[in-house]
PDB file of N, CA and C in Angstrom:
ATOM      1  N   UNK A   1     205.679 271.678 -19.781  1.00  0.00           N
ATOM      2  CA  UNK A   1     206.782 270.619 -20.160  1.00  0.00           C
ATOM      3  C   UNK A   1     206.031 269.578 -20.505  1.00  0.00           C
ATOM      4  N   UNK A   2     205.804 269.235 -22.116  1.00  0.00           N
ATOM      5  CA  UNK A   2     205.033 268.424 -22.019  1.00  0.00           C
ATOM      6  C   UNK A   2     206.071 266.893 -22.269  1.00  0.00           C
ATOM      7  N   UNK A   3     206.077 265.502 -21.233  1.00  0.00           N
ATOM      8  CA  UNK A   3     206.652 265.003 -21.361  1.00  0.00           C
ATOM      9  C   UNK A   3     206.793 263.630 -22.414  1.00  0.00           C
ATOM     10  N   UNK A   4     205.259 263.562 -22.578  1.00  0.00           N
ATOM     11  CA  UNK A   4     205.090 262.330 -24.149  1.00  0.00           C
ATOM     12  C   UNK A   4     203.763 263.333 -25.113  1.00  0.00           C
ATOM     13  N   UNK A   5     203.434 263.165 -25.783  1.00  0.00           N
ATOM     14  CA  UNK A   5     202.130 263.896 -26.761  1.00  0.00           C
ATOM     15  C   UNK A   5     201.196 262.335 -26.737  1.00  0.00           C
ATOM     16  N   UNK A   6     199.682 262.639 -25.886  1.00  0.00           N
ATOM     17  CA  UNK A   6     199.187 261.375 -25.447  1.00  0.00           C
ATOM     18  C   UNK A   6     197.668 261.709 -26.673  1.00  0.00           C
ATOM     19  N   UNK A   7     197.051 260.766 -27.466  1.00  0.00           N
ATOM     20  CA  UNK A   7     195.812 260.831 -28.008  1.00  0.00           C
ATOM     21  C   UNK A   7     194.654 260.594 -27.175  1.00  0.00           C
ATOM     22  N   UNK A   8     193.519 261.005 -26.815  1.00  0.00           N
ATOM     23  CA  UNK A   8     192.848 261.244 -26.568  1.00  0.00           C
ATOM     24  C   UNK A   8     192.426 260.014 -26.071  1.00  0.00           C
ATOM     25  N   UNK A   9     191.664 258.968 -26.689  1.00  0.00           N
ATOM     26  CA  UNK A   9     192.010 257.551 -25.944  1.00  0.00           C
ATOM     27  C   UNK A   9     192.685 256.916 -24.689  1.00  0.00           C
ATOM     28  N   UNK A  10     194.319 257.362 -24.514  1.00  0.00           N
ATOM     29  CA  UNK A  10     194.907 256.773 -23.775  1.00  0.00           C
ATOM     30  C   UNK A  10     194.739 258.254 -22.465  1.00  0.00           C
ATOM     31  N   UNK A  11     194.339 259.263 -22.778  1.00  0.00           N
ATOM     32  CA  UNK A  11     194.126 260.219 -21.692  1.00  0.00           C
ATOM     33  C   UNK A  11     192.883 259.852 -20.700  1.00  0.00           C
ATOM     34  N   UNK A  12     191.984 259.000 -21.819  1.00  0.00           N
ATOM     35  CA  UNK A  12     191.156 258.725 -20.543  1.00  0.00           C
ATOM     36  C   UNK A  12     191.097 257.326 -20.121  1.00  0.00           C
ATOM     37  N   UNK A  13     192.196 256.519 -20.464  1.00  0.00           N
ATOM     38  CA  UNK A  13     192.754 255.321 -19.743  1.00  0.00           C
ATOM     39  C   UNK A  13     193.069 255.588 -18.970  1.00  0.00           C
ATOM     40  N   UNK A  14     194.498 257.017 -18.902  1.00  0.00           N
ATOM     41  CA  UNK A  14     195.045 257.010 -17.917  1.00  0.00           C
ATOM     42  C   UNK A  14     194.631 258.034 -16.643  1.00  0.00           C
ATOM     43  N   UNK A  15     193.169 258.421 -17.418  1.00  0.00           N
ATOM     44  CA  UNK A  15     192.370 259.664 -15.852  1.00  0.00           C
ATOM     45  C   UNK A  15     191.627 258.329 -14.992  1.00  0.00           C
ATOM     46  N   UNK A  16     191.554 257.312 -15.486  1.00  0.00           N
ATOM     47  CA  UNK A  16     190.942 256.250 -14.633  1.00  0.00           C
ATOM     48  C   UNK A  16     192.098 255.486 -14.037  1.00  0.00           C
ATOM     49  N   UNK A  17     193.330 255.208 -14.533  1.00  0.00           N
ATOM     50  CA  UNK A  17     194.054 254.851 -13.285  1.00  0.00           C
ATOM     51  C   UNK A  17     195.328 255.813 -12.608  1.00  0.00           C
ATOM     52  N   UNK A  18     194.829 255.843 -11.062  1.00  0.00           N
ATOM     53  CA  UNK A  18     195.426 256.502 -10.155  1.00  0.00           C
ATOM     54  C   UNK A  18     196.731 255.849  -9.799  1.00  0.00           C
ATOM     55  N   UNK A  19     198.314 256.376  -9.666  1.00  0.00           N
ATOM     56  CA  UNK A  19     199.654 255.845  -9.018  1.00  0.00           C
ATOM     57  C   UNK A  19     199.320 254.371  -9.663  1.00  0.00           C
ATOM     58  N   UNK A  20     199.196 253.962 -10.754  1.00  0.00           N
ATOM     59  CA  UNK A  20     199.927 253.354 -11.414  1.00  0.00           C
ATOM     60  C   UNK A  20     201.082 253.076 -11.962  1.00  0.00           C
ATOM     61  N   UNK A  21     202.029 251.606 -12.011  1.00  0.00           N
ATOM     62  CA  UNK A  21     202.823 251.288 -12.753  1.00  0.00           C
ATOM     63  C   UNK A  21     202.681 251.402 -14.055  1.00  0.00           C
ATOM     64  N   UNK A  22     202.808 251.651 -15.289  1.00  0.00           N
ATOM     65  CA  UNK A  22     202.659 251.942 -16.845  1.00  0.00           C
ATOM     66  C   UNK A  22     203.946 252.010 -17.357  1.00  0.00           C
ATOM     67  N   UNK A  23     203.644 251.568 -18.790  1.00  0.00           N
ATOM     68  CA  UNK A  23     204.455 251.680 -19.478  1.00  0.00           C
ATOM     69  C   UNK A  23     204.290 252.210 -21.279  1.00  0.00           C
ATOM     70  N   UNK A  24     204.802 253.023 -21.418  1.00  0.00           N
ATOM     71  CA  UNK A  24     203.816 253.997 -22.888  1.00  0.00           C
ATOM     72  C   UNK A  24     205.161 253.111 -24.130  1.00  0.00           C
ATOM     73  N   UNK A  25     204.051 252.857 -25.365  1.00  0.00           N
ATOM     74  CA  UNK A  25     205.381 253.022 -26.004  1.00  0.00           C
ATOM     75  C   UNK A  25     204.940 252.653 -27.398  1.00  0.00           C
ATOM     76  N   UNK A  26     206.675 254.055 -28.224  1.00  0.00           N
ATOM     77  CA  UNK A  26     205.520 254.160 -29.675  1.00  0.00           C
ATOM     78  C   UNK A  26     205.497 252.775 -30.313  1.00  0.00           C
ATOM     79  N   UNK A  27     204.704 253.095 -31.434  1.00  0.00           N
ATOM     80  CA  UNK A  27     204.363 252.650 -32.738  1.00  0.00           C
ATOM     81  C   UNK A  27     205.564 251.786 -33.168  1.00  0.00           C
ATOM     82  N   UNK A  28     206.704 251.947 -32.742  1.00  0.00           N
ATOM     83  CA  UNK A  28     207.732 250.488 -33.639  1.00  0.00           C
ATOM     84  C   UNK A  28     208.085 249.726 -31.740  1.00  0.00           C
ATOM     85  N   UNK A  29     208.213 250.267 -30.803  1.00  0.00           N
ATOM     86  CA  UNK A  29     207.670 248.899 -29.649  1.00  0.00           C
ATOM     87  C   UNK A  29     208.641 249.436 -28.749  1.00  0.00           C
ATOM     88  N   UNK A  30     209.050 250.685 -29.186  1.00  0.00           N
ATOM     89  CA  UNK A  30     210.384 251.241 -28.275  1.00  0.00           C
ATOM     90  C   UNK A  30     209.621 252.030 -26.961  1.00  0.00           C
ATOM     91  N   UNK A  31     209.759 251.530 -25.673  1.00  0.00           N
ATOM     92  CA  UNK A  31     209.429 252.852 -24.525  1.00  0.00           C
ATOM     93  C   UNK A  31     209.657 253.955 -24.820  1.00  0.00           C
ATOM     94  N   UNK A  32     208.613 254.796 -24.384  1.00  0.00           N
ATOM     95  CA  UNK A  32     209.045 255.530 -23.994  1.00  0.00           C
ATOM     96  C   UNK A  32     209.371 256.392 -22.862  1.00  0.00           C
ATOM     97  N   UNK A  33     207.918 255.906 -21.677  1.00  0.00           N
ATOM     98  CA  UNK A  33     208.350 256.200 -20.761  1.00  0.00           C
ATOM     99  C   UNK A  33     207.315 254.772 -19.502  1.00  0.00           C
ATOM    100  N   UNK A  34     207.957 255.168 -18.188  1.00  0.00           N
ATOM    101  CA  UNK A  34     207.500 253.928 -17.178  1.00  0.00           C
ATOM    102  C   UNK A  34     207.820 254.412 -15.605  1.00  0.00           C
ATOM    103  N   UNK A  35     206.639 254.609 -15.347  1.00  0.00           N
ATOM    104  CA  UNK A  35     206.786 255.232 -14.045  1.00  0.00           C
ATOM    105  C   UNK A  35     204.795 255.446 -12.801  1.00  0.00           C
ATOM    106  N   UNK A  36     204.994 255.149 -12.305  1.00  0.00           N
ATOM    107  CA  UNK A  36     203.543 255.850 -11.382  1.00  0.00           C
ATOM    108  C   UNK A  36     202.761 257.079 -12.276  1.00  0.00           C
ATOM    109  N   UNK A  37     201.563 257.084 -12.679  1.00  0.00           N
ATOM    110  CA  UNK A  37     200.917 258.528 -13.510  1.00  0.00           C
ATOM    111  C   UNK A  37     200.341 258.155 -12.383  1.00  0.00           C
ATOM    112  N   UNK A  38     200.204 260.556 -12.471  1.00  0.00           N
ATOM    113  CA  UNK A  38     198.388 260.802 -11.761  1.00  0.00           C
ATOM    114  C   UNK A  38     198.238 261.375 -12.525  1.00  0.00           C
ATOM    115  N   UNK A  39     196.528 261.690 -13.004  1.00  0.00           N
ATOM    116  CA  UNK A  39     195.601 262.429 -13.306  1.00  0.00           C
ATOM    117  C   UNK A  39     196.452 262.835 -15.227  1.00  0.00           C
ATOM    118  N   UNK A  40     196.886 261.609 -15.654  1.00  0.00           N
ATOM    119  CA  UNK A  40     197.210 262.023 -17.054  1.00  0.00           C
ATOM    120  C   UNK A  40     198.814 262.301 -17.477  1.00  0.00           C
ATOM    121  N   UNK A  41     199.507 262.171 -16.438  1.00  0.00           N
ATOM    122  CA  UNK A  41     201.147 262.965 -16.089  1.00  0.00           C
ATOM    123  C   UNK A  41     201.889 261.584 -15.219  1.00  0.00           C
ATOM    124  N   UNK A  42     202.721 261.430 -15.271  1.00  0.00           N
ATOM    125  CA  UNK A  42     204.098 260.550 -15.465  1.00  0.00           C
ATOM    126  C   UNK A  42     204.727 261.892 -14.158  1.00  0.00           C
ATOM    127  N   UNK A  43     204.254 261.011 -12.680  1.00  0.00           N
ATOM    128  CA  UNK A  43     204.676 261.780 -11.859  1.00  0.00           C
ATOM    129  C   UNK A  43     205.890 261.056 -11.204  1.00  0.00           C
ATOM    130  N   UNK A  44     206.562 260.037 -11.563  1.00  0.00           N
ATOM    131  CA  UNK A  44     207.967 259.290 -11.122  1.00  0.00           C
ATOM    132  C   UNK A  44     208.082 258.213 -12.162  1.00  0.00           C
ATOM    133  N   UNK A  45     209.411 257.890 -12.539  1.00  0.00           N
ATOM    134  CA  UNK A  45     209.558 256.859 -13.254  1.00  0.00           C
ATOM    135  C   UNK A  45     211.232 257.291 -14.067  1.00  0.00           C
ATOM    136  N   UNK A  46     210.799 257.068 -15.026  1.00  0.00           N
ATOM    137  CA  UNK A  46     211.769 256.781 -16.781  1.00  0.00           C
ATOM    138  C   UNK A  46     211.208 257.194 -17.714  1.00  0.00           C
ATOM    139  N   UNK A  47     212.125 258.186 -18.272  1.00  0.00           N
ATOM    140  CA  UNK A  47     211.083 258.578 -19.307  1.00  0.00           C
ATOM    141  C   UNK A  47     212.087 259.459 -20.069  1.00  0.00           C
ATOM    142  N   UNK A  48     211.744 259.696 -21.609  1.00  0.00           N
ATOM    143  CA  UNK A  48     212.383 259.911 -23.105  1.00  0.00           C
ATOM    144  C   UNK A  48     211.324 261.185 -23.623  1.00  0.00           C
ATOM    145  N   UNK A  49     212.305 262.055 -22.768  1.00  0.00           N
ATOM    146  CA  UNK A  49     211.248 263.107 -23.569  1.00  0.00           C
ATOM    147  C   UNK A  49     211.728 264.473 -24.040  1.00  0.00           C
ATOM    148  N   UNK A  50     211.868 264.993 -25.046  1.00  0.00           N
ATOM    149  CA  UNK A  50     211.880 265.670 -26.477  1.00  0.00           C
ATOM    150  C   UNK A  50     211.481 266.709 -26.370  1.00  0.00           C
ATOM    151  N   UNK A  51     212.711 267.765 -26.823  1.00  0.00           N
ATOM    152  CA  UNK A  51     212.115 269.484 -26.444  1.00  0.00           C
ATOM    153  C   UNK A  51     211.798 270.064 -27.769  1.00  0.00           C
ATOM    154  N   UNK A  52     211.402 270.752 -28.064  1.00  0.00           N
ATOM    155  CA  UNK A  52     210.942 271.431 -29.090  1.00  0.00           C
ATOM    156  C   UNK A  52     212.110 272.105 -29.827  1.00  0.00           C
ATOM    157  N   UNK A  53     213.462 272.172 -29.409  1.00  0.00           N
ATOM    158  CA  UNK A  53     214.121 272.650 -30.073  1.00  0.00           C
ATOM    159  C   UNK A  53     215.362 271.021 -30.352  1.00  0.00           C
ATOM    160  N   UNK A  54     214.457 270.084 -30.289  1.00  0.00           N
ATOM    161  CA  UNK A  54     215.209 268.619 -30.598  1.00  0.00           C
ATOM    162  C   UNK A  54     215.775 268.197 -29.449  1.00  0.00           C
ATOM    163  N   UNK A  55     216.418 268.557 -29.001  1.00  0.00           N
ATOM    164  CA  UNK A  55     217.445 268.091 -27.501  1.00  0.00           C
ATOM    165  C   UNK A  55     216.642 266.757 -26.767  1.00  0.00           C
ATOM    166  N   UNK A  56     216.946 265.955 -26.135  1.00  0.00           N
ATOM    167  CA  UNK A  56     216.075 264.846 -26.068  1.00  0.00           C
ATOM    168  C   UNK A  56     217.069 265.044 -24.357  1.00  0.00           C
ATOM    169  N   UNK A  57     216.009 264.032 -23.150  1.00  0.00           N
ATOM    170  CA  UNK A  57     216.574 264.277 -22.442  1.00  0.00           C
ATOM    171  C   UNK A  57     216.122 262.386 -21.761  1.00  0.00           C
ATOM    172  N   UNK A  58     216.985 262.049 -21.431  1.00  0.00           N
ATOM    173  CA  UNK A  58     216.574 260.098 -21.214  1.00  0.00           C
ATOM    174  C   UNK A  58     217.008 259.999 -19.440  1.00  0.00           C
ATOM    175  N   UNK A  59     216.587 259.332 -19.111  1.00  0.00           N
ATOM    176  CA  UNK A  59     216.915 259.280 -17.115  1.00  0.00           C
ATOM    177  C   UNK A  59     215.344 259.199 -16.702  1.00  0.00           C
ATOM    178  N   UNK A  60     215.466 259.232 -15.200  1.00  0.00           N
ATOM    179  CA  UNK A  60     214.737 259.394 -14.267  1.00  0.00           C
ATOM    180  C   UNK A  60     214.126 261.016 -14.072  1.00  0.00           C
ATOM    181  N   UNK A  61     212.705 260.616 -14.269  1.00  0.00           N
ATOM    182  CA  UNK A  61     211.605 262.230 -13.499  1.00  0.00           C
ATOM    183  C   UNK A  61     211.090 262.146 -12.608  1.00  0.00           C
ATOM    184  N   UNK A  62     210.936 263.386 -12.070  1.00  0.00           N
ATOM    185  CA  UNK A  62     209.562 263.623 -11.109  1.00  0.00           C
ATOM    186  C   UNK A  62     208.450 264.567 -11.465  1.00  0.00           C
ATOM    187  N   UNK A  63     207.184 264.588 -11.584  1.00  0.00           N
ATOM    188  CA  UNK A  63     206.814 265.507 -12.058  1.00  0.00           C
ATOM    189  C   UNK A  63     206.988 266.459 -12.917  1.00  0.00           C
ATOM    190  N   UNK A  64     207.143 265.865 -14.174  1.00  0.00           N
ATOM    191  CA  UNK A  64     207.105 265.960 -15.732  1.00  0.00           C
ATOM    192  C   UNK A  64     208.982 266.663 -14.918  1.00  0.00           C
ATOM    193  N   UNK A  65     209.856 267.235 -14.345  1.00  0.00           N
ATOM    194  CA  UNK A  65     211.163 267.644 -14.789  1.00  0.00           C
ATOM    195  C   UNK A  65     212.009 266.374 -14.385  1.00  0.00           C
ATOM    196  N   UNK A  66     213.525 266.690 -15.355  1.00  0.00           N
ATOM    197  CA  UNK A  66     214.813 265.625 -14.864  1.00  0.00           C
ATOM    198  C   UNK A  66     215.094 265.503 -12.749  1.00  0.00           C
ATOM    199  N   UNK A  67     214.657 264.595 -12.362  1.00  0.00           N
ATOM    200  CA  UNK A  67     214.869 264.107 -11.664  1.00  0.00           C
ATOM    201  C   UNK A  67     215.511 263.170 -11.349  1.00  0.00           C
ATOM    202  N   UNK A  68     216.819 262.592 -10.627  1.00  0.00           N
ATOM    203  CA  UNK A  68     217.472 261.328 -10.625  1.00  0.00           C
ATOM    204  C   UNK A  68     218.875 261.480 -11.984  1.00  0.00           C
ATOM    205  N   UNK A  69     219.279 260.123 -12.153  1.00  0.00           N
ATOM    206  CA  UNK A  69     220.172 260.074 -12.934  1.00  0.00           C
ATOM    207  C   UNK A  69     219.604 260.252 -14.821  1.00  0.00           C
ATOM    208  N   UNK A  70     219.995 260.913 -15.148  1.00  0.00           N
ATOM    209  CA  UNK A  70     219.832 261.390 -16.315  1.00  0.00           C
ATOM    210  C   UNK A  70     220.773 261.616 -17.531  1.00  0.00           C
ATOM    211  N   UNK A  71     221.098 262.100 -18.825  1.00  0.00           N
ATOM    212  CA  UNK A  71     221.219 262.566 -19.900  1.00  0.00           C
ATOM    213  C   UNK A  71     220.796 263.192 -20.988  1.00  0.00           C
ATOM    214  N   UNK A  72     221.316 264.323 -21.553  1.00  0.00           N
ATOM    215  CA  UNK A  72     220.924 265.323 -22.389  1.00  0.00           C
ATOM    216  C   UNK A  72     221.928 264.562 -23.120  1.00  0.00           C
ATOM    217  N   UNK A  73     221.106 265.108 -24.469  1.00  0.00           N
ATOM    218  CA  UNK A  73     221.877 264.862 -25.563  1.00  0.00           C
ATOM    219  C   UNK A  73     220.700 265.781 -26.675  1.00  0.00           C
ATOM    220  N   UNK A  74     221.698 266.998 -27.600  1.00  0.00           N
ATOM    221  CA  UNK A  74     221.781 268.039 -28.252  1.00  0.00           C
ATOM    222  C   UNK A  74     220.559 266.550 -29.373  1.00  0.00           C
ATOM    223  N   UNK A  75     220.039 268.043 -30.692  1.00  0.00           N
ATOM    224  CA  UNK A  75     218.826 267.399 -32.117  1.00  0.00           C
ATOM    225  C   UNK A  75     220.366 266.297 -32.460  1.00  0.00           C
ATOM    226  N   UNK A  76     221.867 266.287 -32.720  1.00  0.00           N
ATOM    227  CA  UNK A  76     222.054 265.540 -33.623  1.00  0.00           C
ATOM    228  C   UNK A  76     222.643 264.293 -32.683  1.00  0.00           C
ATOM    229  N   UNK A  77     222.840 263.838 -31.477  1.00  0.00           N
ATOM    230  CA  UNK A  77     222.660 262.906 -30.441  1.00  0.00           C
ATOM    231  C   UNK A  77     223.986 263.497 -29.642  1.00  0.00           C
ATOM    232  N   UNK A  78     224.737 264.029 -30.018  1.00  0.00           N
ATOM    233  CA  UNK A  78     225.370 263.827 -28.915  1.00  0.00           C
ATOM    234  C   UNK A  78     225.062 264.700 -27.630  1.00  0.00           C
ATOM    235  N   UNK A  79     226.388 263.748 -26.872  1.00  0.00           N
ATOM    236  CA  UNK A  79     226.251 264.424 -25.054  1.00  0.00           C
ATOM    237  C   UNK A  79     225.949 265.524 -25.185  1.00  0.00           C
ATOM    238  N   UNK A  80     225.384 266.169 -24.359  1.00  0.00           N
ATOM    239  CA  UNK A  80     225.119 268.033 -23.724  1.00  0.00           C
ATOM    240  C   UNK A  80     225.382 267.011 -22.221  1.00  0.00           C
ATOM    241  N   UNK A  81     224.736 266.527 -21.549  1.00  0.00           N
ATOM    242  CA  UNK A  81     224.706 266.452 -20.014  1.00  0.00           C
ATOM    243  C   UNK A  81     224.706 265.035 -19.734  1.00  0.00           C
ATOM    244  N   UNK A  82     225.174 265.473 -18.262  1.00  0.00           N
ATOM    245  CA  UNK A  82     224.927 263.639 -18.227  1.00  0.00           C
ATOM    246  C   UNK A  82     225.087 263.508 -16.473  1.00  0.00           C
ATOM    247  N   UNK A  83     224.608 262.804 -15.387  1.00  0.00           N
ATOM    248  CA  UNK A  83     224.272 263.003 -14.002  1.00  0.00           C
ATOM    249  C   UNK A  83     223.224 263.296 -13.599  1.00  0.00           C
ATOM    250  N   UNK A  84     223.297 263.976 -12.036  1.00  0.00           N
ATOM    251  CA  UNK A  84     222.326 263.789 -11.240  1.00  0.00           C
ATOM    252  C   UNK A  84     221.462 264.919 -11.253  1.00  0.00           C
ATOM    253  N   UNK A  85     220.164 265.305 -12.092  1.00  0.00           N
ATOM    254  CA  UNK A  85     219.275 266.256 -11.919  1.00  0.00           C
ATOM    255  C   UNK A  85     218.365 266.586 -10.553  1.00  0.00           C
ATOM    256  N   UNK A  86     218.038 267.492 -10.841  1.00  0.00           N
ATOM    257  CA  UNK A  86     217.258 267.807  -9.398  1.00  0.00           C
ATOM    258  C   UNK A  86     216.678 268.584 -10.190  1.00  0.00           C
ATOM    259  N   UNK A  87     215.017 268.856  -9.858  1.00  0.00           N
ATOM    260  CA  UNK A  87     213.934 269.942 -10.716  1.00  0.00           C
ATOM    261  C   UNK A  87     214.182 270.288 -12.316  1.00  0.00           C
ATOM    262  N   UNK A  88     215.142 269.344 -12.732  1.00  0.00           N
ATOM    263  CA  UNK A  88     215.546 269.720 -14.010  1.00  0.00           C
ATOM    264  C   UNK A  88     216.730 270.418 -14.207  1.00  0.00           C
ATOM    265  N   UNK A  89     217.406 270.525 -13.280  1.00  0.00           N
ATOM    266  CA  UNK A  89     218.936 271.240 -13.359  1.00  0.00           C
ATOM    267  C   UNK A  89     219.701 270.221 -12.716  1.00  0.00           C
ATOM    268  N   UNK A  90     220.852 270.276 -13.652  1.00  0.00           N
ATOM    269  CA  UNK A  90     222.254 269.584 -13.370  1.00  0.00           C
ATOM    270  C   UNK A  90     222.550 269.522 -12.163  1.00  0.00           C
ATOM    271  N   UNK A  91     222.607 269.291 -11.565  1.00  0.00           N
ATOM    272  CA  UNK A  91     223.455 269.302  -9.749  1.00  0.00           C
ATOM    273  C   UNK A  91     224.665 268.518 -10.009  1.00  0.00           C
ATOM    274  N   UNK A  92     224.986 267.198 -10.520  1.00  0.00           N
ATOM    275  CA  UNK A  92     226.349 266.752 -10.464  1.00  0.00           C
ATOM    276  C   UNK A  92     226.979 265.665 -11.402  1.00  0.00           C
ATOM    277  N   UNK A  93     227.786 266.350 -12.273  1.00  0.00           N
ATOM    278  CA  UNK A  93     228.238 266.411 -13.811  1.00  0.00           C
ATOM    279  C   UNK A  93     228.731 265.031 -13.370  1.00  0.00           C
ATOM    280  N   UNK A  94     228.664 263.489 -14.378  1.00  0.00           N
ATOM    281  CA  UNK A  94     229.170 262.394 -14.460  1.00  0.00           C
ATOM    282  C   UNK A  94     229.545 262.031 -15.991  1.00  0.00           C
ATOM    283  N   UNK A  95     230.555 261.600 -16.117  1.00  0.00           N
ATOM    284  CA  UNK A  95     231.498 261.859 -17.321  1.00  0.00           C
ATOM    285  C   UNK A  95     231.117 260.182 -18.428  1.00  0.00           C
TER     286      UNK A  95
END
């Protein structure tokens, strides 16, 4: 699973920086990822992940997977699951 798509220039910059806190934005200024990066991957932080089926996860991530508090939305934007996640699995749902 990829968190975000980056162009080659961004990947080159991230390869130089190890375990630095960085923020990535869309062209219209919306933040899509913030946290610690290593080898061009967000290893711990907050991100918006959009999946191939159109579903979207917004929340805490670690090693590319939902970890911590976050919300999963369907492709229409309706909340599917909200709560605590561990290694990509919802472990404790909240309202």
